[in-house]
Amino acid sequence: MRYPSDRPLSLPEWLVLCLVCEQPTYGFAVAGLLSPQGRLGRIWHVPKPAIYQAVLRLERLGLVQVAGQQLTSQGPDRLLVTATQPGCRAARWWLRAPVRHGREVQPELMLKLALLDRAGSDPRELLSEQRAEFGPLAAALASQVEATTGIEHTLALWRHQAMSATLQFLDDVAQQAELAPAARSDGDRRSRQCPAPDLG
């Protein structure tokens, strides 16, 4: 996806955008979700300054806009942030995109799965795309295990086993999602500014 900018969005910026796309919100509410004790912060913590910097950049890119403010006696006024339609489209694209490297499973893929769960969306398309992304890599690593000796063999073996475990994780989560469509359709759906991504 192309960005109206000189660099892609960072992971904190994607997270803020996706949360604003759920419904208009305040920066302090996003900070609560992404704090070490927050529902998403338990997966990956984002400091408050990074969240406010993300809001500013997303606004500059036309992906969110400030829709109002709330006066408060406990510090600066709180700005209500809402997503634009280009912002919603970008968030839906990002939630569909598999990660490229095994090291990005935690936190990026885990965060995408958590955001899809919050939206009540089926994650199986993302999981399938992710498996397709990692399948050739696992095969290449298996070849390296057979073709190397010494420390190169040990490293290849570790990488191959780590990737095999990741593929098993993807299969297990997909199987769990297969058994849970009724729970998703009956779940508590909050009204959202942007429709939840249709990944099914």
Protein backbone atom coordinates (compact mmCIF):
# COMPACT_ATOMS: atom_id res chain seq x y z
CA MET A 1 0.00 0.00 0.00
CA ARG A 2 1.23 3.50 -0.83
CA TYR A 3 1.44 6.19 1.81
CA PRO A 4 1.23 9.96 1.28
CA SER A 5 4.55 10.22 3.08
CA ASP A 6 8.25 9.56 2.85
CA ARG A 7 8.10 6.45 5.05
CA PRO A 8 5.62 3.68 5.92
CA LEU A 9 3.61 3.84 9.10
CA SER A 10 5.30 2.46 12.19
CA LEU A 11 3.68 -0.24 14.29
CA PRO A 12 2.51 2.29 16.95
CA GLU A 13 0.96 4.39 14.17
CA TRP A 14 -0.90 1.39 12.74
CA LEU A 15 -2.18 0.48 16.18
CA VAL A 16 -3.45 3.98 16.88
CA LEU A 17 -5.10 4.12 13.45
CA CYS A 18 -6.86 0.78 13.93
CA LEU A 19 -8.13 1.77 17.38
CA VAL A 20 -9.43 5.11 16.11
CA CYS A 21 -11.16 3.23 13.28
CA GLU A 22 -13.08 1.19 15.85
CA GLN A 23 -14.78 4.35 17.11
CA PRO A 24 -13.91 8.01 17.76
CA THR A 25 -11.67 8.10 20.81
CA TYR A 26 -9.24 10.11 22.88
CA GLY A 27 -5.49 9.69 23.01
CA PHE A 28 -5.61 8.90 26.73
CA ALA A 29 -8.04 6.02 26.06
CA VAL A 30 -5.69 4.58 23.45
CA ALA A 31 -2.82 5.00 25.91
CA GLY A 32 -4.79 2.97 28.46
CA LEU A 33 -5.28 0.10 26.01
CA LEU A 34 -1.59 0.13 25.10
CA SER A 35 -0.24 0.55 28.65
CA PRO A 36 1.55 -2.43 30.25
CA GLN A 37 -1.71 -3.32 32.05
CA GLY A 38 -3.94 -2.64 29.01
CA ARG A 39 -5.64 -5.32 26.93
CA LEU A 40 -3.33 -4.71 23.98
CA GLY A 41 -0.39 -3.48 26.05
CA ARG A 42 0.02 -6.97 27.47
CA ILE A 43 1.04 -7.98 23.95
CA TRP A 44 3.11 -4.87 23.22
CA HIS A 45 3.40 -1.69 25.25
CA VAL A 46 3.46 1.70 23.52
CA PRO A 47 4.53 4.71 25.62
CA LYS A 48 2.17 7.70 25.80
CA PRO A 49 4.50 10.10 23.93
CA ALA A 50 4.65 7.68 20.97
CA ILE A 51 0.84 7.52 20.90
CA TYR A 52 0.45 11.29 20.74
CA GLN A 53 3.19 11.53 18.11
CA ALA A 54 1.31 8.87 16.12
CA VAL A 55 -1.93 10.88 16.29
CA LEU A 56 -0.12 13.97 15.00
CA ARG A 57 1.44 12.12 12.08
CA LEU A 58 -1.79 10.31 11.18
CA GLU A 59 -3.58 13.66 11.16
CA ARG A 60 -0.86 15.17 8.97
CA LEU A 61 -1.31 12.25 6.53
CA GLY A 62 -5.10 12.73 6.42
CA LEU A 63 -5.81 9.33 8.02
CA VAL A 64 -7.42 10.76 11.17
CA GLN A 65 -8.85 14.12 12.15
CA VAL A 66 -9.55 15.94 15.38
CA ALA A 67 -13.33 16.09 15.78
CA GLY A 68 -13.57 18.00 19.05
CA GLN A 69 -12.09 18.40 22.47
CA GLN A 70 -13.02 17.67 26.06
CA LEU A 71 -12.09 20.18 28.74
CA THR A 72 -10.42 18.66 31.78
CA SER A 73 -9.03 19.94 35.05
CA GLN A 74 -6.42 17.17 35.09
CA GLY A 75 -3.93 18.36 32.50
CA PRO A 76 -4.28 19.40 28.85
CA ASP A 77 -7.63 19.28 27.05
CA ARG A 78 -8.46 15.90 25.54
CA LEU A 79 -8.78 15.84 21.77
CA LEU A 80 -11.41 13.57 20.23
CA VAL A 81 -9.85 11.77 17.25
CA THR A 82 -11.86 10.21 14.45
CA ALA A 83 -10.74 8.23 11.38
CA THR A 84 -11.15 9.40 7.80
CA GLN A 85 -12.27 7.05 5.03
CA PRO A 86 -8.70 6.78 3.68
CA GLY A 87 -7.64 5.91 7.23
CA CYS A 88 -10.27 3.17 7.45
CA ARG A 89 -9.19 1.72 4.10
CA ALA A 90 -5.55 1.73 5.20
CA ALA A 91 -6.41 0.01 8.49
CA ARG A 92 -8.42 -2.70 6.73
CA TRP A 93 -5.51 -3.32 4.32
CA TRP A 94 -2.99 -3.58 7.16
CA LEU A 95 -5.13 -6.03 9.13
CA ARG A 96 -5.21 -8.34 6.07
CA ALA A 97 -1.45 -8.23 5.40
CA PRO A 98 0.75 -11.08 6.70
CA VAL A 99 4.01 -10.25 8.39
CA ARG A 100 7.18 -10.92 6.40
CA HIS A 101 9.52 -12.31 9.03
CA GLY A 102 9.23 -14.77 11.89
CA ARG A 103 10.51 -12.12 14.31
CA GLU A 104 7.41 -10.03 13.51
CA VAL A 105 4.95 -12.66 14.77
CA GLN A 106 5.37 -11.12 18.21
CA PRO A 107 4.25 -8.39 18.39
CA GLU A 108 2.77 -7.49 14.98
CA LEU A 109 0.83 -10.62 14.03
CA MET A 110 -0.36 -11.10 17.61
CA LEU A 111 -1.64 -7.51 17.65
CA LYS A 112 -3.48 -8.02 14.36
CA LEU A 113 -5.15 -11.12 15.78
CA ALA A 114 -6.10 -9.18 18.92
CA LEU A 115 -7.57 -6.31 16.88
CA LEU A 116 -9.57 -8.74 14.72
CA ASP A 117 -10.84 -10.40 17.89
CA ARG A 118 -11.92 -6.99 19.27
CA ALA A 119 -13.84 -6.39 16.02
CA GLY A 120 -15.45 -9.84 16.09
CA SER A 121 -13.83 -10.58 12.71
CA ASP A 122 -12.82 -13.99 11.38
CA PRO A 123 -8.98 -14.24 11.36
CA ARG A 124 -8.76 -17.29 9.07
CA GLU A 125 -7.94 -15.40 5.88
CA LEU A 126 -5.05 -13.63 7.60
CA LEU A 127 -3.86 -16.93 9.09
CA SER A 128 -4.02 -18.61 5.68
CA GLU A 129 -2.07 -15.76 4.06
CA GLN A 130 0.47 -15.93 6.86
CA ARG A 131 0.94 -19.67 6.39
CA ALA A 132 1.44 -19.15 2.66
CA GLU A 133 4.05 -16.50 3.46
CA PHE A 134 6.00 -18.70 5.86
CA GLY A 135 5.65 -22.07 4.06
CA PRO A 136 8.46 -21.50 1.52
CA LEU A 137 10.68 -20.11 4.26
CA ALA A 138 10.19 -23.24 6.35
CA ALA A 139 11.09 -25.40 3.33
CA ALA A 140 14.24 -23.35 2.66
CA LEU A 141 15.27 -23.68 6.30
CA ALA A 142 14.76 -27.47 6.14
CA SER A 143 17.13 -27.57 3.15
CA GLN A 144 19.70 -25.55 5.09
CA VAL A 145 19.52 -28.03 7.97
CA GLU A 146 20.40 -30.86 5.56
CA ALA A 147 23.11 -28.93 3.75
CA THR A 148 25.10 -27.50 6.67
CA THR A 149 27.40 -28.69 9.44
CA GLY A 150 28.81 -27.25 12.64
CA ILE A 151 27.42 -24.00 13.98
CA GLU A 152 25.71 -23.27 10.65
CA HIS A 153 23.77 -26.51 11.08
CA THR A 154 22.88 -25.61 14.66
CA LEU A 155 21.61 -22.16 13.62
CA ALA A 156 19.64 -23.59 10.71
CA LEU A 157 18.15 -26.24 12.99
CA TRP A 158 17.08 -23.61 15.55
CA ARG A 159 15.52 -21.39 12.86
CA HIS A 160 13.74 -24.32 11.24
CA GLN A 161 12.29 -25.54 14.51
CA ALA A 162 11.19 -22.02 15.46
CA MET A 163 9.45 -21.62 12.09
CA SER A 164 7.86 -25.07 12.39
CA ALA A 165 6.49 -24.08 15.79
CA THR A 166 5.11 -20.87 14.27
CA LEU A 167 3.35 -22.82 11.51
CA GLN A 168 1.84 -25.14 14.12
CA PHE A 169 0.66 -22.09 16.05
CA LEU A 170 -1.03 -20.70 12.91
CA ASP A 171 -2.75 -24.05 12.32
CA ASP A 172 -3.94 -24.23 15.94
CA VAL A 173 -5.36 -20.70 15.89
CA ALA A 174 -7.08 -21.38 12.55
CA GLN A 175 -8.63 -24.53 13.96
CA GLN A 176 -9.82 -22.60 17.01
CA ALA A 177 -11.35 -19.94 14.71
CA GLU A 178 -13.07 -22.68 12.70
CA LEU A 179 -14.88 -23.80 15.84
CA ALA A 180 -15.86 -20.29 16.98
CA PRO A 181 -17.96 -18.58 14.24
CA ALA A 182 -21.11 -18.64 16.37
CA ALA A 183 -19.34 -16.93 19.23
CA ARG A 184 -18.16 -14.18 16.87
CA SER A 185 -21.62 -13.57 15.42
CA ASP A 186 -23.28 -13.56 18.86
CA GLY A 187 -20.58 -11.48 20.53
CA ASP A 188 -21.02 -8.01 21.89
CA ARG A 189 -20.57 -5.74 18.85
CA ARG A 190 -19.99 -2.11 19.63
CA SER A 191 -21.02 0.44 17.02
CA ARG A 192 -17.94 1.40 15.03
CA GLN A 193 -17.08 4.35 12.87
CA CYS A 194 -15.52 2.09 10.23
CA PRO A 195 -16.97 -1.32 9.36
CA ALA A 196 -14.94 -4.21 10.71
CA PRO A 197 -12.77 -5.76 7.98
CA ASP A 198 -14.44 -8.63 6.18
CA LEU A 199 -11.75 -11.28 6.32
CA GLY A 200 -14.01 -14.28 5.89
